[in-house]
Amino acid sequence: EVGRLQLELDPPAIDEARHNLEQAAAE
């Protein structure tokens, strides 16, 4: 959810979102 929200920011926080989403996928 945090990663998806970070992608909605203007501008999107792509690197932070990728980190959260990749960690979520691993967990």
mmCIF file of all heavy atoms, coordinates in Angstrom:
data_MODEL
# 
_entry.id   MODEL 
# 
loop_
_atom_site.group_PDB 
_atom_site.id 
_atom_site.type_symbol 
_atom_site.label_atom_id 
_atom_site.label_alt_id 
_atom_site.label_comp_id 
_atom_site.label_asym_id 
_atom_site.label_entity_id 
_atom_site.label_seq_id 
_atom_site.pdbx_PDB_ins_code 
_atom_site.Cartn_x 
_atom_site.Cartn_y 
_atom_site.Cartn_z 
_atom_site.occupancy 
_atom_site.B_iso_or_equiv 
_atom_site.pdbx_formal_charge 
_atom_site.auth_seq_id 
_atom_site.auth_comp_id 
_atom_site.auth_asym_id 
_atom_site.auth_atom_id 
_atom_site.pdbx_PDB_model_num 
ATOM 1   N N   . GLU A 1 1  ? 0.828  -1.208  0.000   1.00 0.00 ? 1  GLU A N   1 
ATOM 2   C CA  . GLU A 1 1  ? 0.000  0.000   0.000   1.00 0.00 ? 1  GLU A CA  1 
ATOM 3   C C   . GLU A 1 1  ? 0.862  1.258   0.000   1.00 0.00 ? 1  GLU A C   1 
ATOM 4   O O   . GLU A 1 1  ? 0.592  2.224   -0.727  1.00 0.00 ? 1  GLU A O   1 
ATOM 5   C CB  . GLU A 1 1  ? -0.927 -0.004  1.220   1.00 0.00 ? 1  GLU A CB  1 
ATOM 6   C CG  . GLU A 1 1  ? -1.951 1.117   1.237   1.00 0.00 ? 1  GLU A CG  1 
ATOM 7   C CD  . GLU A 1 1  ? -2.916 1.033   0.068   1.00 0.00 ? 1  GLU A CD  1 
ATOM 8   O OE1 . GLU A 1 1  ? -3.237 -0.085  -0.375  1.00 0.00 ? 1  GLU A OE1 1 
ATOM 9   O OE2 . GLU A 1 1  ? -3.340 2.108   -0.407  1.00 0.00 ? 1  GLU A OE2 1 
ATOM 10  N N   . VAL A 1 2  ? 1.921  1.262   0.810   1.00 0.00 ? 2  VAL A N   1 
ATOM 11  C CA  . VAL A 1 2  ? 2.819  2.424   0.852   1.00 0.00 ? 2  VAL A CA  1 
ATOM 12  C C   . VAL A 1 2  ? 3.474  2.623   -0.511  1.00 0.00 ? 2  VAL A C   1 
ATOM 13  O O   . VAL A 1 2  ? 3.567  3.745   -1.033  1.00 0.00 ? 2  VAL A O   1 
ATOM 14  C CB  . VAL A 1 2  ? 3.888  2.253   1.950   1.00 0.00 ? 2  VAL A CB  1 
ATOM 15  C CG1 . VAL A 1 2  ? 4.926  3.382   1.866   1.00 0.00 ? 2  VAL A CG1 1 
ATOM 16  C CG2 . VAL A 1 2  ? 3.238  2.247   3.328   1.00 0.00 ? 2  VAL A CG2 1 
ATOM 17  N N   . GLY A 1 3  ? 3.925  1.523   -1.121  1.00 0.00 ? 3  GLY A N   1 
ATOM 18  C CA  . GLY A 1 3  ? 4.538  1.625   -2.448  1.00 0.00 ? 3  GLY A CA  1 
ATOM 19  C C   . GLY A 1 3  ? 3.579  2.174   -3.485  1.00 0.00 ? 3  GLY A C   1 
ATOM 20  O O   . GLY A 1 3  ? 3.950  3.038   -4.303  1.00 0.00 ? 3  GLY A O   1 
ATOM 21  N N   . ARG A 1 4  ? 2.334  1.704   -3.450  1.00 0.00 ? 4  ARG A N   1 
ATOM 22  C CA  . ARG A 1 4  ? 1.332  2.191   -4.411  1.00 0.00 ? 4  ARG A CA  1 
ATOM 23  C C   . ARG A 1 4  ? 1.035  3.677   -4.181  1.00 0.00 ? 4  ARG A C   1 
ATOM 24  O O   . ARG A 1 4  ? 0.846  4.437   -5.138  1.00 0.00 ? 4  ARG A O   1 
ATOM 25  C CB  . ARG A 1 4  ? 0.053  1.368   -4.285  1.00 0.00 ? 4  ARG A CB  1 
ATOM 26  C CG  . ARG A 1 4  ? 0.172  -0.009  -4.927  1.00 0.00 ? 4  ARG A CG  1 
ATOM 27  C CD  . ARG A 1 4  ? -0.957 -0.932  -4.520  1.00 0.00 ? 4  ARG A CD  1 
ATOM 28  N NE  . ARG A 1 4  ? -2.269 -0.389  -4.818  1.00 0.00 ? 4  ARG A NE  1 
ATOM 29  C CZ  . ARG A 1 4  ? -2.865 -0.459  -6.000  1.00 0.00 ? 4  ARG A CZ  1 
ATOM 30  N NH1 . ARG A 1 4  ? -2.242 -1.050  -7.012  1.00 0.00 ? 4  ARG A NH1 1 
ATOM 31  N NH2 . ARG A 1 4  ? -4.068 0.042   -6.185  1.00 0.00 ? 4  ARG A NH2 1 
ATOM 32  N N   . LEU A 1 5  ? 1.005  4.101   -2.929  1.00 0.00 ? 5  LEU A N   1 
ATOM 33  C CA  . LEU A 1 5  ? 0.765  5.522   -2.633  1.00 0.00 ? 5  LEU A CA  1 
ATOM 34  C C   . LEU A 1 5  ? 1.931  6.372   -3.113  1.00 0.00 ? 5  LEU A C   1 
ATOM 35  O O   . LEU A 1 5  ? 1.734  7.484   -3.631  1.00 0.00 ? 5  LEU A O   1 
ATOM 36  C CB  . LEU A 1 5  ? 0.562  5.718   -1.127  1.00 0.00 ? 5  LEU A CB  1 
ATOM 37  C CG  . LEU A 1 5  ? -0.751 5.229   -0.535  1.00 0.00 ? 5  LEU A CG  1 
ATOM 38  C CD1 . LEU A 1 5  ? -0.728 5.319   0.974   1.00 0.00 ? 5  LEU A CD1 1 
ATOM 39  C CD2 . LEU A 1 5  ? -1.923 6.031   -1.091  1.00 0.00 ? 5  LEU A CD2 1 
ATOM 40  N N   . GLN A 1 6  ? 3.153  5.874   -2.936  1.00 0.00 ? 6  GLN A N   1 
ATOM 41  C CA  . GLN A 1 6  ? 4.323  6.637   -3.367  1.00 0.00 ? 6  GLN A CA  1 
ATOM 42  C C   . GLN A 1 6  ? 4.326  6.852   -4.881  1.00 0.00 ? 6  GLN A C   1 
ATOM 43  O O   . GLN A 1 6  ? 4.861  7.845   -5.367  1.00 0.00 ? 6  GLN A O   1 
ATOM 44  C CB  . GLN A 1 6  ? 5.600  5.913   -2.917  1.00 0.00 ? 6  GLN A CB  1 
ATOM 45  C CG  . GLN A 1 6  ? 5.816  6.027   -1.408  1.00 0.00 ? 6  GLN A CG  1 
ATOM 46  C CD  . GLN A 1 6  ? 6.890  5.102   -0.884  1.00 0.00 ? 6  GLN A CD  1 
ATOM 47  O OE1 . GLN A 1 6  ? 7.122  4.027   -1.445  1.00 0.00 ? 6  GLN A OE1 1 
ATOM 48  N NE2 . GLN A 1 6  ? 7.560  5.496   0.186   1.00 0.00 ? 6  GLN A NE2 1 
ATOM 49  N N   . LEU A 1 7  ? 3.702  5.941   -5.604  1.00 0.00 ? 7  LEU A N   1 
ATOM 50  C CA  . LEU A 1 7  ? 3.596  6.109   -7.058  1.00 0.00 ? 7  LEU A CA  1 
ATOM 51  C C   . LEU A 1 7  ? 2.556  7.150   -7.441  1.00 0.00 ? 7  LEU A C   1 
ATOM 52  O O   . LEU A 1 7  ? 2.555  7.642   -8.576  1.00 0.00 ? 7  LEU A O   1 
ATOM 53  C CB  . LEU A 1 7  ? 3.249  4.765   -7.714  1.00 0.00 ? 7  LEU A CB  1 
ATOM 54  C CG  . LEU A 1 7  ? 4.323  3.679   -7.640  1.00 0.00 ? 7  LEU A CG  1 
ATOM 55  C CD1 . LEU A 1 7  ? 3.816  2.379   -8.246  1.00 0.00 ? 7  LEU A CD1 1 
ATOM 56  C CD2 . LEU A 1 7  ? 5.611  4.126   -8.330  1.00 0.00 ? 7  LEU A CD2 1 
ATOM 57  N N   . GLU A 1 8  ? 1.656  7.488   -6.508  1.00 0.00 ? 8  GLU A N   1 
ATOM 58  C CA  . GLU A 1 8  ? 0.623  8.492   -6.774  1.00 0.00 ? 8  GLU A CA  1 
ATOM 59  C C   . GLU A 1 8  ? 1.091  9.908   -6.475  1.00 0.00 ? 8  GLU A C   1 
ATOM 60  O O   . GLU A 1 8  ? 0.382  10.878  -6.776  1.00 0.00 ? 8  GLU A O   1 
ATOM 61  C CB  . GLU A 1 8  ? -0.634 8.185   -5.944  1.00 0.00 ? 8  GLU A CB  1 
ATOM 62  C CG  . GLU A 1 8  ? -1.304 6.868   -6.267  1.00 0.00 ? 8  GLU A CG  1 
ATOM 63  C CD  . GLU A 1 8  ? -1.916 6.843   -7.656  1.00 0.00 ? 8  GLU A CD  1 
ATOM 64  O OE1 . GLU A 1 8  ? -2.235 7.928   -8.172  1.00 0.00 ? 8  GLU A OE1 1 
ATOM 65  O OE2 . GLU A 1 8  ? -2.049 5.744   -8.225  1.00 0.00 ? 8  GLU A OE2 1 
ATOM 66  N N   . LEU A 1 9  ? 2.251  10.045  -5.826  1.00 0.00 ? 9  LEU A N   1 
ATOM 67  C CA  . LEU A 1 9  ? 2.758  11.375  -5.488  1.00 0.00 ? 9  LEU A CA  1 
ATOM 68  C C   . LEU A 1 9  ? 3.120  12.140  -6.757  1.00 0.00 ? 9  LEU A C   1 
ATOM 69  O O   . LEU A 1 9  ? 3.296  11.566  -7.824  1.00 0.00 ? 9  LEU A O   1 
ATOM 70  C CB  . LEU A 1 9  ? 3.988  11.261  -4.589  1.00 0.00 ? 9  LEU A CB  1 
ATOM 71  C CG  . LEU A 1 9  ? 3.756  10.738  -3.164  1.00 0.00 ? 9  LEU A CG  1 
ATOM 72  C CD1 . LEU A 1 9  ? 5.092  10.454  -2.492  1.00 0.00 ? 9  LEU A CD1 1 
ATOM 73  C CD2 . LEU A 1 9  ? 2.942  11.737  -2.349  1.00 0.00 ? 9  LEU A CD2 1 
ATOM 74  N N   . ASP A 1 10 ? 3.211  13.426  -6.636  1.00 0.00 ? 10 ASP A N   1 
ATOM 75  C CA  . ASP A 1 10 ? 3.572  14.270  -7.786  1.00 0.00 ? 10 ASP A CA  1 
ATOM 76  C C   . ASP A 1 10 ? 4.842  15.059  -7.448  1.00 0.00 ? 10 ASP A C   1 
ATOM 77  O O   . ASP A 1 10 ? 4.797  16.021  -6.679  1.00 0.00 ? 10 ASP A O   1 
ATOM 78  C CB  . ASP A 1 10 ? 2.426  15.238  -8.096  1.00 0.00 ? 10 ASP A CB  1 
ATOM 79  C CG  . ASP A 1 10 ? 2.670  16.024  -9.376  1.00 0.00 ? 10 ASP A CG  1 
ATOM 80  O OD1 . ASP A 1 10 ? 3.555  15.627  -10.164 1.00 0.00 ? 10 ASP A OD1 1 
ATOM 81  O OD2 . ASP A 1 10 ? 1.982  17.041  -9.573  1.00 0.00 ? 10 ASP A OD2 1 
ATOM 82  N N   . PRO A 1 11 ? 6.008  14.640  -7.972  1.00 0.00 ? 11 PRO A N   1 
ATOM 83  C CA  . PRO A 1 11 ? 6.225  13.516  -8.895  1.00 0.00 ? 11 PRO A CA  1 
ATOM 84  C C   . PRO A 1 11 ? 6.268  12.180  -8.135  1.00 0.00 ? 11 PRO A C   1 
ATOM 85  O O   . PRO A 1 11 ? 6.478  12.173  -6.918  1.00 0.00 ? 11 PRO A O   1 
ATOM 86  C CB  . PRO A 1 11 ? 7.592  13.841  -9.504  1.00 0.00 ? 11 PRO A CB  1 
ATOM 87  C CG  . PRO A 1 11 ? 8.307  14.578  -8.419  1.00 0.00 ? 11 PRO A CG  1 
ATOM 88  C CD  . PRO A 1 11 ? 7.262  15.390  -7.713  1.00 0.00 ? 11 PRO A CD  1 
ATOM 89  N N   . PRO A 1 12 ? 6.093  11.062  -8.832  1.00 0.00 ? 12 PRO A N   1 
ATOM 90  C CA  . PRO A 1 12 ? 6.104  9.751   -8.172  1.00 0.00 ? 12 PRO A CA  1 
ATOM 91  C C   . PRO A 1 12 ? 7.465  9.460   -7.530  1.00 0.00 ? 12 PRO A C   1 
ATOM 92  O O   . PRO A 1 12 ? 8.511  9.778   -8.103  1.00 0.00 ? 12 PRO A O   1 
ATOM 93  C CB  . PRO A 1 12 ? 5.836  8.771   -9.313  1.00 0.00 ? 12 PRO A CB  1 
ATOM 94  C CG  . PRO A 1 12 ? 5.210  9.587   -10.396 1.00 0.00 ? 12 PRO A CG  1 
ATOM 95  C CD  . PRO A 1 12 ? 5.810  10.947  -10.282 1.00 0.00 ? 12 PRO A CD  1 
ATOM 96  N N   . ALA A 1 13 ? 7.439  8.859   -6.346  1.00 0.00 ? 13 ALA A N   1 
ATOM 97  C CA  . ALA A 1 13 ? 8.680  8.440   -5.667  1.00 0.00 ? 13 ALA A CA  1 
ATOM 98  C C   . ALA A 1 13 ? 8.998  7.020   -6.126  1.00 0.00 ? 13 ALA A C   1 
ATOM 99  O O   . ALA A 1 13 ? 8.776  6.046   -5.401  1.00 0.00 ? 13 ALA A O   1 
ATOM 100 C CB  . ALA A 1 13 ? 8.499  8.520   -4.159  1.00 0.00 ? 13 ALA A CB  1 
ATOM 101 N N   . ILE A 1 14 ? 9.528  6.911   -7.339  1.00 0.00 ? 14 ILE A N   1 
ATOM 102 C CA  . ILE A 1 14 ? 9.676  5.599   -7.982  1.00 0.00 ? 14 ILE A CA  1 
ATOM 103 C C   . ILE A 1 14 ? 10.638 4.684   -7.238  1.00 0.00 ? 14 ILE A C   1 
ATOM 104 O O   . ILE A 1 14 ? 10.333 3.511   -6.990  1.00 0.00 ? 14 ILE A O   1 
ATOM 105 C CB  . ILE A 1 14 ? 10.123 5.772   -9.447  1.00 0.00 ? 14 ILE A CB  1 
ATOM 106 C CG1 . ILE A 1 14 ? 9.035  6.503   -10.241 1.00 0.00 ? 14 ILE A CG1 1 
ATOM 107 C CG2 . ILE A 1 14 ? 10.403 4.415   -10.093 1.00 0.00 ? 14 ILE A CG2 1 
ATOM 108 C CD1 . ILE A 1 14 ? 9.426  6.824   -11.672 1.00 0.00 ? 14 ILE A CD1 1 
ATOM 109 N N   . ASP A 1 15 ? 11.803 5.192   -6.848  1.00 0.00 ? 15 ASP A N   1 
ATOM 110 C CA  . ASP A 1 15 ? 12.791 4.343   -6.186  1.00 0.00 ? 15 ASP A CA  1 
ATOM 111 C C   . ASP A 1 15 ? 12.284 3.846   -4.834  1.00 0.00 ? 15 ASP A C   1 
ATOM 112 O O   . ASP A 1 15 ? 12.457 2.667   -4.488  1.00 0.00 ? 15 ASP A O   1 
ATOM 113 C CB  . ASP A 1 15 ? 14.109 5.108   -6.006  1.00 0.00 ? 15 ASP A CB  1 
ATOM 114 C CG  . ASP A 1 15 ? 14.815 5.357   -7.339  1.00 0.00 ? 15 ASP A CG  1 
ATOM 115 O OD1 . ASP A 1 15 ? 14.525 4.603   -8.300  1.00 0.00 ? 15 ASP A OD1 1 
ATOM 116 O OD2 . ASP A 1 15 ? 15.632 6.293   -7.411  1.00 0.00 ? 15 ASP A OD2 1 
ATOM 117 N N   . GLU A 1 16 ? 11.663 4.755   -4.069  1.00 0.00 ? 16 GLU A N   1 
ATOM 118 C CA  . GLU A 1 16 ? 11.134 4.353   -2.760  1.00 0.00 ? 16 GLU A CA  1 
ATOM 119 C C   . GLU A 1 16 ? 10.007 3.326   -2.927  1.00 0.00 ? 16 GLU A C   1 
ATOM 120 O O   . GLU A 1 16 ? 9.908  2.354   -2.168  1.00 0.00 ? 16 GLU A O   1 
ATOM 121 C CB  . GLU A 1 16 ? 10.613 5.576   -1.984  1.00 0.00 ? 16 GLU A CB  1 
ATOM 122 C CG  . GLU A 1 16 ? 11.705 6.544   -1.561  1.00 0.00 ? 16 GLU A CG  1 
ATOM 123 C CD  . GLU A 1 16 ? 11.979 7.603   -2.615  1.00 0.00 ? 16 GLU A CD  1 
ATOM 124 O OE1 . GLU A 1 16 ? 11.679 7.339   -3.813  1.00 0.00 ? 16 GLU A OE1 1 
ATOM 125 O OE2 . GLU A 1 16 ? 12.494 8.669   -2.261  1.00 0.00 ? 16 GLU A OE2 1 
ATOM 126 N N   . ALA A 1 17 ? 9.170  3.560   -3.941  1.00 0.00 ? 17 ALA A N   1 
ATOM 127 C CA  . ALA A 1 17 ? 8.075  2.629   -4.194  1.00 0.00 ? 17 ALA A CA  1 
ATOM 128 C C   . ALA A 1 17 ? 8.610  1.258   -4.593  1.00 0.00 ? 17 ALA A C   1 
ATOM 129 O O   . ALA A 1 17 ? 8.122  0.221   -4.120  1.00 0.00 ? 17 ALA A O   1 
ATOM 130 C CB  . ALA A 1 17 ? 7.166  3.173   -5.299  1.00 0.00 ? 17 ALA A CB  1 
ATOM 131 N N   . ARG A 1 18 ? 9.613  1.242   -5.472  1.00 0.00 ? 18 ARG A N   1 
ATOM 132 C CA  . ARG A 1 18 ? 10.197 -0.039  -5.896  1.00 0.00 ? 18 ARG A CA  1 
ATOM 133 C C   . ARG A 1 18 ? 10.743 -0.791  -4.684  1.00 0.00 ? 18 ARG A C   1 
ATOM 134 O O   . ARG A 1 18 ? 10.525 -2.008  -4.546  1.00 0.00 ? 18 ARG A O   1 
ATOM 135 C CB  . ARG A 1 18 ? 11.317 0.199   -6.906  1.00 0.00 ? 18 ARG A CB  1 
ATOM 136 C CG  . ARG A 1 18 ? 11.962 -1.113  -7.358  1.00 0.00 ? 18 ARG A CG  1 
ATOM 137 C CD  . ARG A 1 18 ? 13.171 -0.906  -8.238  1.00 0.00 ? 18 ARG A CD  1 
ATOM 138 N NE  . ARG A 1 18 ? 12.797 -0.511  -9.588  1.00 0.00 ? 18 ARG A NE  1 
ATOM 139 C CZ  . ARG A 1 18 ? 13.021 0.689   -10.118 1.00 0.00 ? 18 ARG A CZ  1 
ATOM 140 N NH1 . ARG A 1 18 ? 13.617 1.636   -9.376  1.00 0.00 ? 18 ARG A NH1 1 
ATOM 141 N NH2 . ARG A 1 18 ? 12.649 0.973   -11.344 1.00 0.00 ? 18 ARG A NH2 1 
ATOM 142 N N   . HIS A 1 19 ? 11.422 -0.082  -3.780  1.00 0.00 ? 19 HIS A N   1 
ATOM 143 C CA  . HIS A 1 19 ? 11.990 -0.728  -2.591  1.00 0.00 ? 19 HIS A CA  1 
ATOM 144 C C   . HIS A 1 19 ? 10.893 -1.380  -1.743  1.00 0.00 ? 19 HIS A C   1 
ATOM 145 O O   . HIS A 1 19 ? 11.018 -2.538  -1.346  1.00 0.00 ? 19 HIS A O   1 
ATOM 146 C CB  . HIS A 1 19 ? 12.741 0.313   -1.753  1.00 0.00 ? 19 HIS A CB  1 
ATOM 147 C CG  . HIS A 1 19 ? 13.198 -0.208  -0.423  1.00 0.00 ? 19 HIS A CG  1 
ATOM 148 N ND1 . HIS A 1 19 ? 14.263 -1.070  -0.272  1.00 0.00 ? 19 HIS A ND1 1 
ATOM 149 C CD2 . HIS A 1 19 ? 12.696 0.002   0.836   1.00 0.00 ? 19 HIS A CD2 1 
ATOM 150 C CE1 . HIS A 1 19 ? 14.405 -1.377  1.011   1.00 0.00 ? 19 HIS A CE1 1 
ATOM 151 N NE2 . HIS A 1 19 ? 13.476 -0.743  1.708   1.00 0.00 ? 19 HIS A NE2 1 
ATOM 152 N N   . ASN A 1 20 ? 9.826  -0.629  -1.479  1.00 0.00 ? 20 ASN A N   1 
ATOM 153 C CA  . ASN A 1 20 ? 8.742  -1.167  -0.656  1.00 0.00 ? 20 ASN A CA  1 
ATOM 154 C C   . ASN A 1 20 ? 8.042  -2.343  -1.325  1.00 0.00 ? 20 ASN A C   1 
ATOM 155 O O   . ASN A 1 20 ? 7.720  -3.349  -0.683  1.00 0.00 ? 20 ASN A O   1 
ATOM 156 C CB  . ASN A 1 20 ? 7.730  -0.063  -0.330  1.00 0.00 ? 20 ASN A CB  1 
ATOM 157 C CG  . ASN A 1 20 ? 8.147  0.760   0.874   1.00 0.00 ? 20 ASN A CG  1 
ATOM 158 O OD1 . ASN A 1 20 ? 8.512  0.213   1.908   1.00 0.00 ? 20 ASN A OD1 1 
ATOM 159 N ND2 . ASN A 1 20 ? 8.099  2.070   0.745   1.00 0.00 ? 20 ASN A ND2 1 
ATOM 160 N N   . LEU A 1 21 ? 7.795  -2.217  -2.615  1.00 0.00 ? 21 LEU A N   1 
ATOM 161 C CA  . LEU A 1 21 ? 7.075  -3.264  -3.336  1.00 0.00 ? 21 LEU A CA  1 
ATOM 162 C C   . LEU A 1 21 ? 7.918  -4.536  -3.476  1.00 0.00 ? 21 LEU A C   1 
ATOM 163 O O   . LEU A 1 21 ? 7.400  -5.647  -3.346  1.00 0.00 ? 21 LEU A O   1 
ATOM 164 C CB  . LEU A 1 21 ? 6.638  -2.753  -4.706  1.00 0.00 ? 21 LEU A CB  1 
ATOM 165 C CG  . LEU A 1 21 ? 5.503  -1.714  -4.660  1.00 0.00 ? 21 LEU A CG  1 
ATOM 166 C CD1 . LEU A 1 21 ? 5.437  -0.937  -5.968  1.00 0.00 ? 21 LEU A CD1 1 
ATOM 167 C CD2 . LEU A 1 21 ? 4.173  -2.408  -4.379  1.00 0.00 ? 21 LEU A CD2 1 
ATOM 168 N N   . GLU A 1 22 ? 9.198  -4.386  -3.734  1.00 0.00 ? 22 GLU A N   1 
ATOM 169 C CA  . GLU A 1 22 ? 10.070 -5.557  -3.840  1.00 0.00 ? 22 GLU A CA  1 
ATOM 170 C C   . GLU A 1 22 ? 10.202 -6.253  -2.480  1.00 0.00 ? 22 GLU A C   1 
ATOM 171 O O   . GLU A 1 22 ? 10.205 -7.485  -2.403  1.00 0.00 ? 22 GLU A O   1 
ATOM 172 C CB  . GLU A 1 22 ? 11.445 -5.147  -4.366  1.00 0.00 ? 22 GLU A CB  1 
ATOM 173 C CG  . GLU A 1 22 ? 11.444 -4.811  -5.849  1.00 0.00 ? 22 GLU A CG  1 
ATOM 174 C CD  . GLU A 1 22 ? 12.801 -4.363  -6.367  1.00 0.00 ? 22 GLU A CD  1 
ATOM 175 O OE1 . GLU A 1 22 ? 13.673 -4.050  -5.509  1.00 0.00 ? 22 GLU A OE1 1 
ATOM 176 O OE2 . GLU A 1 22 ? 12.989 -4.303  -7.599  1.00 0.00 ? 22 GLU A OE2 1 
ATOM 177 N N   . GLN A 1 23 ? 10.275 -5.440  -1.409  1.00 0.00 ? 23 GLN A N   1 
ATOM 178 C CA  . GLN A 1 23 ? 10.351 -6.033  -0.072  1.00 0.00 ? 23 GLN A CA  1 
ATOM 179 C C   . GLN A 1 23 ? 9.044  -6.755  0.264   1.00 0.00 ? 23 GLN A C   1 
ATOM 180 O O   . GLN A 1 23 ? 9.055  -7.841  0.855   1.00 0.00 ? 23 GLN A O   1 
ATOM 181 C CB  . GLN A 1 23 ? 10.648 -4.951  0.968   1.00 0.00 ? 23 GLN A CB  1 
ATOM 182 C CG  . GLN A 1 23 ? 11.038 -5.528  2.328   1.00 0.00 ? 23 GLN A CG  1 
ATOM 183 C CD  . GLN A 1 23 ? 11.636 -4.488  3.243   1.00 0.00 ? 23 GLN A CD  1 
ATOM 184 O OE1 . GLN A 1 23 ? 11.914 -3.357  2.842   1.00 0.00 ? 23 GLN A OE1 1 
ATOM 185 N NE2 . GLN A 1 23 ? 11.824 -4.848  4.507   1.00 0.00 ? 23 GLN A NE2 1 
ATOM 186 N N   . ALA A 1 24 ? 7.930  -6.137  -0.137  1.00 0.00 ? 24 ALA A N   1 
ATOM 187 C CA  . ALA A 1 24 ? 6.625  -6.768  0.103   1.00 0.00 ? 24 ALA A CA  1 
ATOM 188 C C   . ALA A 1 24 ? 6.528  -8.092  -0.635  1.00 0.00 ? 24 ALA A C   1 
ATOM 189 O O   . ALA A 1 24 ? 6.063  -9.100  -0.084  1.00 0.00 ? 24 ALA A O   1 
ATOM 190 C CB  . ALA A 1 24 ? 5.501  -5.839  -0.349  1.00 0.00 ? 24 ALA A CB  1 
ATOM 191 N N   . ALA A 1 25 ? 6.983  -8.106  -1.896  1.00 0.00 ? 25 ALA A N   1 
ATOM 192 C CA  . ALA A 1 25 ? 6.928  -9.342  -2.688  1.00 0.00 ? 25 ALA A CA  1 
ATOM 193 C C   . ALA A 1 25 ? 7.770  -10.439 -2.040  1.00 0.00 ? 25 ALA A C   1 
ATOM 194 O O   . ALA A 1 25 ? 7.364  -11.605 -1.988  1.00 0.00 ? 25 ALA A O   1 
ATOM 195 C CB  . ALA A 1 25 ? 7.412  -9.065  -4.111  1.00 0.00 ? 25 ALA A CB  1 
ATOM 196 N N   . ALA A 1 26 ? 8.938  -10.062 -1.515  1.00 0.00 ? 26 ALA A N   1 
ATOM 197 C CA  . ALA A 1 26 ? 9.810  -11.046 -0.864  1.00 0.00 ? 26 ALA A CA  1 
ATOM 198 C C   . ALA A 1 26 ? 9.159  -11.577 0.414   1.00 0.00 ? 26 ALA A C   1 
ATOM 199 O O   . ALA A 1 26 ? 9.195  -12.781 0.690   1.00 0.00 ? 26 ALA A O   1 
ATOM 200 C CB  . ALA A 1 26 ? 11.166 -10.417 -0.548  1.00 0.00 ? 26 ALA A CB  1 
ATOM 201 N N   . GLU A 1 27 ? 8.566  -10.670 1.199   1.00 0.00 ? 27 GLU A N   1 
ATOM 202 C CA  . GLU A 1 27 ? 7.924  -11.088 2.458   1.00 0.00 ? 27 GLU A CA  1 
ATOM 203 C C   . GLU A 1 27 ? 6.717  -11.983 2.199   1.00 0.00 ? 27 GLU A C   1 
ATOM 204 O O   . GLU A 1 27 ? 6.422  -12.893 2.980   1.00 0.00 ? 27 GLU A O   1 
ATOM 205 C CB  . GLU A 1 27 ? 7.510  -9.857  3.267   1.00 0.00 ? 27 GLU A CB  1 
ATOM 206 C CG  . GLU A 1 27 ? 8.699  -9.124  3.878   1.00 0.00 ? 27 GLU A CG  1 
ATOM 207 C CD  . GLU A 1 27 ? 8.304  -7.790  4.483   1.00 0.00 ? 27 GLU A CD  1 
ATOM 208 O OE1 . GLU A 1 27 ? 7.151  -7.356  4.285   1.00 0.00 ? 27 GLU A OE1 1 
ATOM 209 O OE2 . GLU A 1 27 ? 9.156  -7.178  5.168   1.00 0.00 ? 27 GLU A OE2 1 
# 
